[in-house]
Amino acid sequence: MVNLNIIITQKSKYFVIFIYYVLFSFIYGIKVNHNNLSIYIFSIKLLYCLTFLKYNSVSSLNSLVDIVVVDNISNIKNRFELTYIFWNIIYEYRVGVKLFTDGYQSIYSIGKFYNSALWLEREIWDMFGIKFLFHFGLRRILTDYGFKGHPLRKDFPLLGYVDVYYDDSIQAIRCSPLELSQSLRFFKFENPWNKWYL
């Protein structure tokens, strides 16, 4: 799926063709959109692909900018889309490396290649629950250690599981199970718009 229909520079076109033919067995698609290159790879081939993309003199993706996760709950097999955004400092271009996972399959950590990935992978594990293999410090950083679940997943309840509040009587923060009582609410089942038509 090489999409070269968009007008790109001649140098970029040669670079896309070079990447496609060199990484042919590791990728299943390349997409060029407004001079942004996206490489779709298999999740088990992540380390092979990044070894080539970082240490090859043509690509030399020497800076990891960000890791972006999209939760597509309607697709069970490929629920999470991970996009690694790289920046080449010498030639000044961005490349996005995309892969899909179901959330139960672990992804290889790229912390040995890029030091900035260690913090980003911890954040992704804390918010989405995607585990990274060979990550030596995978622990919570944005939520409490006793927090249950992963808050940015689309199947996480909007109100959470516990109620956290400050109790003035003991002057401390308390956590209690969330209770949604409906006894104090007054439900009006009549339509307010009907009275305007009388």
N, C-alpha and C. Protein backbone atom coordinates (compact mmCIF):
# COMPACT_ATOMS: atom_id res chain seq x y z
N MET A 1 0.84 -1.17 0.00
CA MET A 1 0.00 0.00 0.00
C MET A 1 0.88 1.24 0.00
N VAL A 2 1.60 1.48 -1.03
CA VAL A 2 2.41 2.68 -1.15
C VAL A 2 1.55 3.75 -1.79
N ASN A 3 1.28 4.81 -1.05
CA ASN A 3 0.41 5.88 -1.52
C ASN A 3 1.28 7.06 -1.91
N LEU A 4 1.62 7.16 -3.18
CA LEU A 4 2.46 8.25 -3.66
C LEU A 4 1.69 9.18 -4.57
N ASN A 5 0.38 9.26 -4.41
CA ASN A 5 -0.43 10.10 -5.29
C ASN A 5 -0.30 11.58 -4.96
N ILE A 6 0.16 11.89 -3.78
CA ILE A 6 0.27 13.29 -3.38
C ILE A 6 1.55 13.88 -3.96
N ILE A 7 1.55 15.17 -4.19
CA ILE A 7 2.73 15.84 -4.76
C ILE A 7 3.77 15.98 -3.66
N ILE A 8 4.87 15.31 -3.81
CA ILE A 8 5.97 15.40 -2.85
C ILE A 8 7.24 15.70 -3.62
N THR A 9 8.25 16.12 -2.91
CA THR A 9 9.50 16.44 -3.58
C THR A 9 10.17 15.17 -4.08
N GLN A 10 11.06 15.33 -5.01
CA GLN A 10 11.73 14.18 -5.62
C GLN A 10 12.59 13.44 -4.59
N LYS A 11 13.23 14.21 -3.68
CA LYS A 11 14.04 13.59 -2.65
C LYS A 11 13.19 12.73 -1.73
N SER A 12 12.03 13.25 -1.35
CA SER A 12 11.14 12.50 -0.47
C SER A 12 10.62 11.25 -1.14
N LYS A 13 10.37 11.33 -2.44
CA LYS A 13 9.87 10.16 -3.17
C LYS A 13 10.92 9.06 -3.17
N TYR A 14 12.17 9.40 -3.39
CA TYR A 14 13.24 8.40 -3.36
C TYR A 14 13.42 7.82 -1.96
N PHE A 15 13.25 8.65 -0.95
CA PHE A 15 13.38 8.18 0.41
C PHE A 15 12.27 7.17 0.75
N VAL A 16 11.05 7.46 0.34
CA VAL A 16 9.92 6.55 0.59
C VAL A 16 10.14 5.22 -0.12
N ILE A 17 10.57 5.26 -1.36
CA ILE A 17 10.82 4.03 -2.11
C ILE A 17 11.97 3.24 -1.48
N PHE A 18 13.01 3.94 -1.02
CA PHE A 18 14.13 3.28 -0.35
C PHE A 18 13.66 2.57 0.92
N ILE A 19 12.89 3.26 1.75
CA ILE A 19 12.38 2.67 2.99
C ILE A 19 11.50 1.47 2.69
N TYR A 20 10.66 1.59 1.68
CA TYR A 20 9.74 0.50 1.36
C TYR A 20 10.49 -0.76 0.92
N TYR A 21 11.50 -0.61 0.08
CA TYR A 21 12.20 -1.80 -0.41
C TYR A 21 13.18 -2.39 0.61
N VAL A 22 13.74 -1.56 1.47
CA VAL A 22 14.66 -2.09 2.47
C VAL A 22 13.90 -2.80 3.60
N LEU A 23 12.80 -2.21 4.05
CA LEU A 23 12.03 -2.77 5.16
C LEU A 23 10.80 -3.55 4.68
N PHE A 24 10.89 -4.13 3.51
CA PHE A 24 9.72 -4.78 2.90
C PHE A 24 9.14 -5.88 3.78
N SER A 25 9.98 -6.69 4.42
CA SER A 25 9.46 -7.81 5.20
C SER A 25 9.00 -7.40 6.60
N PHE A 26 9.34 -6.17 7.04
CA PHE A 26 8.96 -5.73 8.38
C PHE A 26 7.71 -4.85 8.40
N ILE A 27 7.34 -4.31 7.26
CA ILE A 27 6.22 -3.36 7.23
C ILE A 27 5.11 -3.92 6.36
N TYR A 28 3.92 -3.37 6.53
CA TYR A 28 2.82 -3.74 5.65
C TYR A 28 2.17 -2.52 5.01
N GLY A 29 2.79 -1.36 5.13
CA GLY A 29 2.25 -0.20 4.44
C GLY A 29 3.05 1.05 4.70
N ILE A 30 3.01 1.94 3.72
CA ILE A 30 3.60 3.27 3.84
C ILE A 30 2.57 4.25 3.31
N LYS A 31 2.41 5.35 4.02
CA LYS A 31 1.46 6.37 3.59
C LYS A 31 2.12 7.73 3.68
N VAL A 32 2.00 8.51 2.62
CA VAL A 32 2.53 9.87 2.58
C VAL A 32 1.34 10.81 2.51
N ASN A 33 1.26 11.71 3.50
CA ASN A 33 0.16 12.66 3.54
C ASN A 33 0.72 14.03 3.91
N HIS A 34 0.67 14.97 2.99
CA HIS A 34 1.19 16.33 3.19
C HIS A 34 2.64 16.30 3.65
N ASN A 35 3.45 15.54 2.95
CA ASN A 35 4.88 15.37 3.22
C ASN A 35 5.17 14.77 4.59
N ASN A 36 4.20 14.13 5.20
CA ASN A 36 4.43 13.38 6.43
C ASN A 36 4.42 11.91 6.09
N LEU A 37 5.45 11.22 6.50
CA LEU A 37 5.60 9.80 6.19
C LEU A 37 5.13 8.97 7.37
N SER A 38 4.23 8.01 7.12
CA SER A 38 3.78 7.07 8.13
C SER A 38 4.14 5.67 7.67
N ILE A 39 4.83 4.93 8.53
CA ILE A 39 5.24 3.56 8.22
C ILE A 39 4.45 2.64 9.14
N TYR A 40 3.69 1.73 8.56
CA TYR A 40 2.90 0.76 9.32
C TYR A 40 3.70 -0.53 9.44
N ILE A 41 4.00 -0.92 10.68
CA ILE A 41 4.84 -2.10 10.90
C ILE A 41 4.09 -3.12 11.74
N PHE A 42 4.61 -4.35 11.73
CA PHE A 42 4.11 -5.38 12.63
C PHE A 42 4.71 -5.15 14.00
N SER A 43 3.93 -5.39 15.06
CA SER A 43 4.41 -5.05 16.41
C SER A 43 5.59 -5.90 16.84
N ILE A 44 5.69 -7.12 16.34
CA ILE A 44 6.83 -7.96 16.74
C ILE A 44 8.12 -7.57 16.01
N LYS A 45 8.02 -6.76 14.98
CA LYS A 45 9.19 -6.33 14.21
C LYS A 45 9.64 -4.92 14.57
N LEU A 46 9.16 -4.39 15.71
CA LEU A 46 9.45 -3.01 16.08
C LEU A 46 10.95 -2.76 16.27
N LEU A 47 11.62 -3.62 16.99
CA LEU A 47 13.05 -3.40 17.27
C LEU A 47 13.91 -3.50 16.02
N TYR A 48 13.57 -4.43 15.12
CA TYR A 48 14.32 -4.55 13.87
C TYR A 48 14.18 -3.28 13.03
N CYS A 49 12.96 -2.80 12.97
CA CYS A 49 12.68 -1.62 12.17
C CYS A 49 13.39 -0.39 12.73
N LEU A 50 13.31 -0.21 14.04
CA LEU A 50 13.92 0.98 14.64
C LEU A 50 15.43 0.93 14.64
N THR A 51 16.00 -0.27 14.69
CA THR A 51 17.46 -0.40 14.58
C THR A 51 17.93 0.14 13.23
N PHE A 52 17.22 -0.25 12.18
CA PHE A 52 17.59 0.24 10.86
C PHE A 52 17.33 1.74 10.73
N LEU A 53 16.14 2.21 11.17
CA LEU A 53 15.78 3.61 10.98
C LEU A 53 16.66 4.56 11.79
N LYS A 54 17.19 4.11 12.90
CA LYS A 54 18.04 4.99 13.70
C LYS A 54 19.48 5.00 13.22
N TYR A 55 20.03 3.84 12.91
CA TYR A 55 21.47 3.74 12.64
C TYR A 55 21.84 3.80 11.16
N ASN A 56 20.88 3.80 10.27
CA ASN A 56 21.18 3.95 8.85
C ASN A 56 21.47 5.42 8.56
N SER A 57 22.45 5.68 7.71
CA SER A 57 22.83 7.06 7.44
C SER A 57 21.79 7.81 6.60
N VAL A 58 20.97 7.10 5.86
CA VAL A 58 19.96 7.76 5.03
C VAL A 58 18.79 8.22 5.89
N SER A 59 18.29 7.36 6.76
CA SER A 59 17.14 7.73 7.57
C SER A 59 17.57 8.46 8.84
N SER A 60 18.44 7.88 9.62
CA SER A 60 18.99 8.41 10.88
C SER A 60 17.97 9.18 11.71
N LEU A 61 16.94 8.47 12.15
CA LEU A 61 15.92 9.07 13.02
C LEU A 61 16.48 9.09 14.44
N ASN A 62 17.13 10.19 14.79
CA ASN A 62 17.90 10.23 16.02
C ASN A 62 17.18 10.89 17.19
N SER A 63 15.92 11.26 17.05
CA SER A 63 15.20 11.88 18.15
C SER A 63 13.76 11.39 18.18
N LEU A 64 13.35 10.88 19.34
CA LEU A 64 11.95 10.48 19.53
C LEU A 64 11.20 11.67 20.12
N VAL A 65 10.18 12.12 19.40
CA VAL A 65 9.43 13.29 19.84
C VAL A 65 8.32 12.88 20.80
N ASP A 66 7.53 11.88 20.42
CA ASP A 66 6.38 11.51 21.23
C ASP A 66 5.90 10.13 20.84
N ILE A 67 5.12 9.52 21.73
CA ILE A 67 4.40 8.29 21.44
C ILE A 67 2.93 8.59 21.67
N VAL A 68 2.12 8.39 20.66
CA VAL A 68 0.70 8.71 20.71
C VAL A 68 -0.09 7.41 20.66
N VAL A 69 -1.12 7.31 21.51
CA VAL A 69 -1.98 6.13 21.54
C VAL A 69 -3.41 6.55 21.25
N VAL A 70 -4.07 5.80 20.37
CA VAL A 70 -5.49 6.01 20.06
C VAL A 70 -6.22 4.74 20.43
N ASP A 71 -7.29 4.88 21.21
CA ASP A 71 -8.10 3.74 21.65
C ASP A 71 -9.32 3.66 20.75
N ASN A 72 -9.37 2.62 19.92
CA ASN A 72 -10.51 2.38 19.04
C ASN A 72 -11.25 1.16 19.59
N ILE A 73 -12.22 1.41 20.44
CA ILE A 73 -12.88 0.32 21.16
C ILE A 73 -13.75 -0.55 20.26
N SER A 74 -14.12 -0.05 19.10
CA SER A 74 -14.98 -0.83 18.20
C SER A 74 -14.21 -1.95 17.50
N ASN A 75 -12.89 -1.84 17.42
CA ASN A 75 -12.07 -2.85 16.77
C ASN A 75 -11.34 -3.65 17.86
N ILE A 76 -11.78 -4.87 18.11
CA ILE A 76 -11.23 -5.67 19.20
C ILE A 76 -9.80 -6.13 18.90
N LYS A 77 -9.56 -6.57 17.68
CA LYS A 77 -8.25 -7.14 17.33
C LYS A 77 -7.15 -6.08 17.32
N ASN A 78 -7.43 -4.93 16.75
CA ASN A 78 -6.46 -3.84 16.68
C ASN A 78 -7.01 -2.64 17.45
N ARG A 79 -7.20 -2.83 18.74
CA ARG A 79 -7.86 -1.78 19.52
C ARG A 79 -7.01 -0.54 19.69
N PHE A 80 -5.74 -0.70 19.99
CA PHE A 80 -4.87 0.44 20.26
C PHE A 80 -3.93 0.67 19.09
N GLU A 81 -3.85 1.91 18.65
CA GLU A 81 -2.90 2.31 17.62
C GLU A 81 -1.80 3.13 18.28
N LEU A 82 -0.58 2.63 18.25
CA LEU A 82 0.57 3.35 18.79
C LEU A 82 1.31 4.00 17.64
N THR A 83 1.60 5.27 17.80
CA THR A 83 2.35 6.01 16.79
C THR A 83 3.59 6.60 17.44
N TYR A 84 4.74 6.15 16.99
CA TYR A 84 6.02 6.69 17.44
C TYR A 84 6.40 7.80 16.46
N ILE A 85 6.56 9.01 16.96
CA ILE A 85 6.88 10.16 16.11
C ILE A 85 8.37 10.47 16.28
N PHE A 86 9.11 10.37 15.17
CA PHE A 86 10.55 10.59 15.18
C PHE A 86 10.89 11.85 14.40
N TRP A 87 12.02 12.45 14.75
CA TRP A 87 12.48 13.66 14.09
C TRP A 87 13.95 13.47 13.72
N ASN A 88 14.27 13.76 12.46
CA ASN A 88 15.65 13.74 12.00
C ASN A 88 16.19 15.15 12.14
N ILE A 89 17.21 15.31 12.95
CA ILE A 89 17.76 16.64 13.24
C ILE A 89 18.55 17.18 12.05
N ILE A 90 19.23 16.31 11.32
CA ILE A 90 20.10 16.76 10.22
C ILE A 90 19.28 17.21 9.02
N TYR A 91 18.34 16.36 8.57
CA TYR A 91 17.58 16.67 7.35
C TYR A 91 16.23 17.32 7.64
N GLU A 92 15.85 17.41 8.91
CA GLU A 92 14.64 18.08 9.37
C GLU A 92 13.37 17.52 8.73
N TYR A 93 13.06 16.30 9.06
CA TYR A 93 11.79 15.72 8.64
C TYR A 93 11.28 14.79 9.74
N ARG A 94 9.97 14.57 9.73
CA ARG A 94 9.31 13.71 10.70
C ARG A 94 8.88 12.41 10.05
N VAL A 95 8.92 11.35 10.84
CA VAL A 95 8.45 10.04 10.41
C VAL A 95 7.62 9.46 11.54
N GLY A 96 6.44 8.96 11.21
CA GLY A 96 5.61 8.28 12.18
C GLY A 96 5.64 6.79 11.94
N VAL A 97 5.98 6.03 12.95
CA VAL A 97 5.98 4.57 12.86
C VAL A 97 4.76 4.08 13.63
N LYS A 98 3.84 3.42 12.94
CA LYS A 98 2.56 3.02 13.54
C LYS A 98 2.48 1.51 13.66
N LEU A 99 1.89 1.08 14.77
CA LEU A 99 1.61 -0.34 14.96
C LEU A 99 0.32 -0.47 15.76
N PHE A 100 -0.27 -1.65 15.68
CA PHE A 100 -1.55 -1.91 16.34
C PHE A 100 -1.38 -3.05 17.34
N THR A 101 -2.15 -2.98 18.42
CA THR A 101 -2.16 -4.03 19.41
C THR A 101 -3.56 -4.14 20.01
N ASP A 102 -3.82 -5.29 20.62
CA ASP A 102 -5.14 -5.49 21.22
C ASP A 102 -5.18 -5.09 22.69
N GLY A 103 -4.09 -4.68 23.28
CA GLY A 103 -4.03 -4.29 24.67
C GLY A 103 -3.53 -5.38 25.58
N TYR A 104 -3.63 -6.64 25.17
CA TYR A 104 -3.14 -7.76 25.96
C TYR A 104 -1.75 -8.18 25.52
N GLN A 105 -1.42 -7.93 24.27
CA GLN A 105 -0.11 -8.26 23.74
C GLN A 105 0.90 -7.19 24.17
N SER A 106 2.03 -7.60 24.67
CA SER A 106 3.05 -6.66 25.11
C SER A 106 3.85 -6.15 23.91
N ILE A 107 4.29 -4.91 24.01
CA ILE A 107 5.09 -4.27 22.98
C ILE A 107 6.52 -4.17 23.50
N TYR A 108 7.51 -4.33 22.63
CA TYR A 108 8.90 -4.19 23.03
C TYR A 108 9.21 -2.75 23.39
N SER A 109 9.94 -2.57 24.46
CA SER A 109 10.35 -1.23 24.89
C SER A 109 11.49 -0.75 24.00
N ILE A 110 11.46 0.53 23.65
CA ILE A 110 12.53 1.11 22.83
C ILE A 110 13.41 2.03 23.69
N GLY A 111 13.40 1.81 25.00
CA GLY A 111 14.19 2.64 25.91
C GLY A 111 15.68 2.52 25.71
N LYS A 112 16.16 1.40 25.15
CA LYS A 112 17.60 1.27 24.89
C LYS A 112 18.03 2.10 23.69
N PHE A 113 17.09 2.38 22.78
CA PHE A 113 17.41 3.20 21.61
C PHE A 113 17.24 4.68 21.91
N TYR A 114 16.17 5.03 22.61
CA TYR A 114 15.82 6.42 22.89
C TYR A 114 15.51 6.55 24.38
N ASN A 115 16.28 7.38 25.09
CA ASN A 115 16.06 7.55 26.53
C ASN A 115 14.73 8.22 26.84
N SER A 116 14.25 9.05 25.95
CA SER A 116 12.97 9.73 26.20
C SER A 116 11.79 8.76 26.17
N ALA A 117 11.98 7.58 25.63
CA ALA A 117 10.89 6.61 25.55
C ALA A 117 10.54 6.02 26.91
N LEU A 118 11.47 6.04 27.84
CA LEU A 118 11.21 5.42 29.15
C LEU A 118 10.05 6.12 29.86
N TRP A 119 10.06 7.43 29.88
CA TRP A 119 8.99 8.17 30.53
C TRP A 119 7.68 8.02 29.76
N LEU A 120 7.75 8.08 28.46
CA LEU A 120 6.54 7.99 27.64
C LEU A 120 5.88 6.61 27.76
N GLU A 121 6.67 5.56 27.83
CA GLU A 121 6.12 4.21 27.97
C GLU A 121 5.50 4.02 29.35
N ARG A 122 6.08 4.61 30.38
CA ARG A 122 5.45 4.55 31.70
C ARG A 122 4.12 5.26 31.71
N GLU A 123 4.05 6.39 31.03
CA GLU A 123 2.79 7.14 30.96
C GLU A 123 1.72 6.36 30.19
N ILE A 124 2.11 5.69 29.12
CA ILE A 124 1.17 4.90 28.34
C ILE A 124 0.68 3.70 29.14
N TRP A 125 1.57 3.06 29.89
CA TRP A 125 1.13 1.94 30.71
C TRP A 125 0.17 2.41 31.80
N ASP A 126 0.45 3.56 32.39
CA ASP A 126 -0.39 4.07 33.46
C ASP A 126 -1.77 4.48 32.95
N MET A 127 -1.83 5.10 31.80
CA MET A 127 -3.11 5.62 31.30
C MET A 127 -3.90 4.60 30.48
N PHE A 128 -3.21 3.71 29.74
CA PHE A 128 -3.91 2.79 28.83
C PHE A 128 -3.77 1.32 29.21
N GLY A 129 -2.77 0.96 30.00
CA GLY A 129 -2.58 -0.42 30.38
C GLY A 129 -1.84 -1.27 29.37
N ILE A 130 -1.13 -0.66 28.44
CA ILE A 130 -0.33 -1.39 27.45
C ILE A 130 1.04 -1.67 28.07
N LYS A 131 1.40 -2.94 28.15
CA LYS A 131 2.67 -3.31 28.79
C LYS A 131 3.80 -3.31 27.77
N PHE A 132 4.98 -2.96 28.25
CA PHE A 132 6.18 -2.91 27.42
C PHE A 132 7.19 -3.91 27.96
N LEU A 133 7.64 -4.81 27.09
CA LEU A 133 8.63 -5.80 27.49
C LEU A 133 10.00 -5.16 27.65
N PHE A 134 10.77 -5.64 28.63
CA PHE A 134 12.13 -5.21 28.91
C PHE A 134 12.21 -3.74 29.31
N HIS A 135 11.16 -3.23 29.92
CA HIS A 135 11.16 -1.89 30.49
C HIS A 135 11.42 -2.05 31.98
N PHE A 136 12.53 -1.51 32.48
CA PHE A 136 12.96 -1.81 33.85
C PHE A 136 12.21 -1.00 34.91
N GLY A 137 11.50 0.05 34.54
CA GLY A 137 10.83 0.89 35.55
C GLY A 137 9.37 1.12 35.25
N LEU A 138 8.65 0.07 34.88
CA LEU A 138 7.25 0.24 34.49
C LEU A 138 6.39 0.31 35.75
N ARG A 139 6.05 1.53 36.16
CA ARG A 139 5.19 1.75 37.33
C ARG A 139 4.36 3.00 37.09
N ARG A 140 3.41 3.22 37.98
CA ARG A 140 2.49 4.36 37.82
C ARG A 140 3.22 5.68 38.08
N ILE A 141 2.87 6.69 37.26
CA ILE A 141 3.47 8.00 37.46
C ILE A 141 2.42 9.10 37.55
N LEU A 142 1.26 8.93 36.97
CA LEU A 142 0.25 9.98 36.97
C LEU A 142 -0.93 9.68 37.89
N THR A 143 -1.08 8.44 38.30
CA THR A 143 -2.15 8.08 39.23
C THR A 143 -1.53 7.50 40.50
N ASP A 144 -2.37 7.31 41.52
CA ASP A 144 -1.88 6.74 42.77
C ASP A 144 -1.51 5.29 42.58
N TYR A 145 -0.69 4.78 43.51
CA TYR A 145 -0.25 3.38 43.41
C TYR A 145 -1.40 2.42 43.64
N GLY A 146 -2.39 2.78 44.43
CA GLY A 146 -3.53 1.91 44.67
C GLY A 146 -4.65 2.08 43.67
N PHE A 147 -4.43 2.86 42.62
CA PHE A 147 -5.47 3.15 41.63
C PHE A 147 -5.79 1.89 40.84
N LYS A 148 -7.09 1.64 40.65
CA LYS A 148 -7.52 0.46 39.90
C LYS A 148 -7.96 0.89 38.51
N GLY A 149 -7.42 0.22 37.51
CA GLY A 149 -7.80 0.51 36.13
C GLY A 149 -6.86 1.49 35.47
N HIS A 150 -7.21 1.84 34.25
CA HIS A 150 -6.41 2.77 33.44
C HIS A 150 -7.36 3.81 32.87
N PRO A 151 -7.23 5.07 33.29
CA PRO A 151 -8.29 6.06 33.07
C PRO A 151 -8.51 6.53 31.63
N LEU A 152 -7.57 6.37 30.72
CA LEU A 152 -7.80 6.84 29.35
C LEU A 152 -8.35 5.76 28.42
N ARG A 153 -8.58 4.58 28.95
CA ARG A 153 -9.25 3.55 28.14
C ARG A 153 -10.72 3.91 28.01
N LYS A 154 -11.30 3.61 26.88
CA LYS A 154 -12.69 3.99 26.66
C LYS A 154 -13.67 3.11 27.43
N ASP A 155 -13.23 1.98 27.97
CA ASP A 155 -14.12 1.16 28.77
C ASP A 155 -14.03 1.50 30.26
N PHE A 156 -13.24 2.50 30.63
CA PHE A 156 -13.15 2.95 32.02
C PHE A 156 -14.37 3.81 32.34
N PRO A 157 -15.04 3.59 33.48
CA PRO A 157 -16.24 4.38 33.79
C PRO A 157 -15.91 5.86 33.99
N LEU A 158 -16.84 6.73 33.61
CA LEU A 158 -16.59 8.16 33.67
C LEU A 158 -16.37 8.67 35.09
N LEU A 159 -17.05 8.09 36.05
CA LEU A 159 -16.91 8.54 37.43
C LEU A 159 -15.86 7.77 38.21
N GLY A 160 -15.30 6.73 37.66
CA GLY A 160 -14.29 5.94 38.33
C GLY A 160 -14.91 4.89 39.24
N TYR A 161 -14.08 4.35 40.11
CA TYR A 161 -14.52 3.29 41.02
C TYR A 161 -14.58 3.76 42.47
N VAL A 162 -13.80 4.79 42.83
CA VAL A 162 -13.77 5.26 44.21
C VAL A 162 -14.03 6.76 44.25
N ASP A 163 -14.48 7.21 45.42
CA ASP A 163 -14.71 8.63 45.67
C ASP A 163 -13.60 9.13 46.57
N VAL A 164 -12.83 10.09 46.12
CA VAL A 164 -11.71 10.64 46.87
C VAL A 164 -12.12 12.03 47.34
N TYR A 165 -12.02 12.27 48.65
CA TYR A 165 -12.41 13.56 49.20
C TYR A 165 -11.62 13.85 50.46
N TYR A 166 -11.64 15.13 50.84
CA TYR A 166 -10.95 15.55 52.07
C TYR A 166 -11.96 15.57 53.20
N ASP A 167 -11.66 14.88 54.28
CA ASP A 167 -12.55 14.81 55.43
C ASP A 167 -12.04 15.79 56.49
N ASP A 168 -12.88 16.80 56.85
CA ASP A 168 -12.47 17.80 57.83
C ASP A 168 -12.37 17.24 59.24
N SER A 169 -13.15 16.21 59.54
CA SER A 169 -13.15 15.70 60.90
C SER A 169 -11.83 15.02 61.27
N ILE A 170 -11.22 14.30 60.33
CA ILE A 170 -9.93 13.67 60.61
C ILE A 170 -8.77 14.39 59.93
N GLN A 171 -9.07 15.42 59.17
CA GLN A 171 -8.10 16.24 58.45
C GLN A 171 -7.15 15.38 57.61
N ALA A 172 -7.77 14.57 56.76
CA ALA A 172 -7.00 13.70 55.87
C ALA A 172 -7.83 13.40 54.63
N ILE A 173 -7.18 12.87 53.64
CA ILE A 173 -7.85 12.48 52.40
C ILE A 173 -8.39 11.07 52.58
N ARG A 174 -9.66 10.87 52.21
CA ARG A 174 -10.29 9.56 52.36
C ARG A 174 -10.71 9.04 51.00
N CYS A 175 -10.69 7.73 50.88
CA CYS A 175 -11.17 7.04 49.69
C CYS A 175 -12.27 6.09 50.12
N SER A 176 -13.39 6.18 49.46
CA SER A 176 -14.50 5.28 49.75
C SER A 176 -15.07 4.78 48.43
N PRO A 177 -15.69 3.61 48.46
CA PRO A 177 -16.30 3.10 47.22
C PRO A 177 -17.37 4.06 46.72
N LEU A 178 -17.42 4.21 45.42
CA LEU A 178 -18.34 5.15 44.80
C LEU A 178 -19.77 4.63 44.92
N GLU A 179 -20.65 5.47 45.44
CA GLU A 179 -22.06 5.11 45.59
C GLU A 179 -22.90 6.15 44.88
N LEU A 180 -23.64 5.73 43.91
CA LEU A 180 -24.50 6.63 43.14
C LEU A 180 -25.95 6.39 43.55
N SER A 181 -26.39 7.11 44.57
CA SER A 181 -27.77 6.92 45.03
C SER A 181 -28.69 7.84 44.24
N GLN A 182 -29.81 7.31 43.83
CA GLN A 182 -30.77 8.05 43.03
C GLN A 182 -32.00 8.47 43.86
N SER A 183 -31.98 8.26 45.17
CA SER A 183 -33.17 8.53 45.98
C SER A 183 -33.45 10.01 46.13
N LEU A 184 -32.46 10.86 46.04
CA LEU A 184 -32.66 12.30 46.23
C LEU A 184 -33.01 13.02 44.94
N ARG A 185 -32.96 12.34 43.84
CA ARG A 185 -33.29 12.99 42.57
C ARG A 185 -34.78 12.91 42.31
N PHE A 186 -35.32 13.94 41.72
CA PHE A 186 -36.74 13.98 41.37
C PHE A 186 -36.84 13.88 39.86
N PHE A 187 -37.49 12.83 39.38
CA PHE A 187 -37.63 12.61 37.95
C PHE A 187 -39.00 13.09 37.49
N LYS A 188 -39.03 13.96 36.51
CA LYS A 188 -40.27 14.41 35.87
C LYS A 188 -40.36 13.70 34.55
N PHE A 189 -41.39 12.91 34.37
CA PHE A 189 -41.49 12.13 33.14
C PHE A 189 -42.37 12.81 32.10
N GLU A 190 -42.92 13.96 32.38
CA GLU A 190 -43.74 14.65 31.39
C GLU A 190 -42.85 15.50 30.50
N ASN A 191 -43.31 15.69 29.30
CA ASN A 191 -42.57 16.46 28.31
C ASN A 191 -42.88 17.94 28.50
N PRO A 192 -41.89 18.80 28.76
CA PRO A 192 -42.18 20.22 28.98
C PRO A 192 -42.62 20.94 27.71
N TRP A 193 -42.38 20.36 26.56
CA TRP A 193 -42.75 21.01 25.31
C TRP A 193 -44.23 20.83 24.98
N ASN A 194 -44.91 19.92 25.62
CA ASN A 194 -46.32 19.70 25.32
C ASN A 194 -47.20 20.86 25.76
N LYS A 195 -46.83 21.57 26.82
CA LYS A 195 -47.68 22.64 27.32
C LYS A 195 -47.69 23.86 26.37
N TRP A 196 -46.70 23.99 25.52
CA TRP A 196 -46.66 25.11 24.58
C TRP A 196 -47.62 24.92 23.42
N TYR A 197 -48.01 23.72 23.18
CA TYR A 197 -48.91 23.46 22.06
C TYR A 197 -50.37 23.45 22.46
N LEU A 198 -50.73 23.65 23.72
CA LEU A 198 -52.12 23.65 24.19
C LEU A 198 -52.84 24.94 23.92
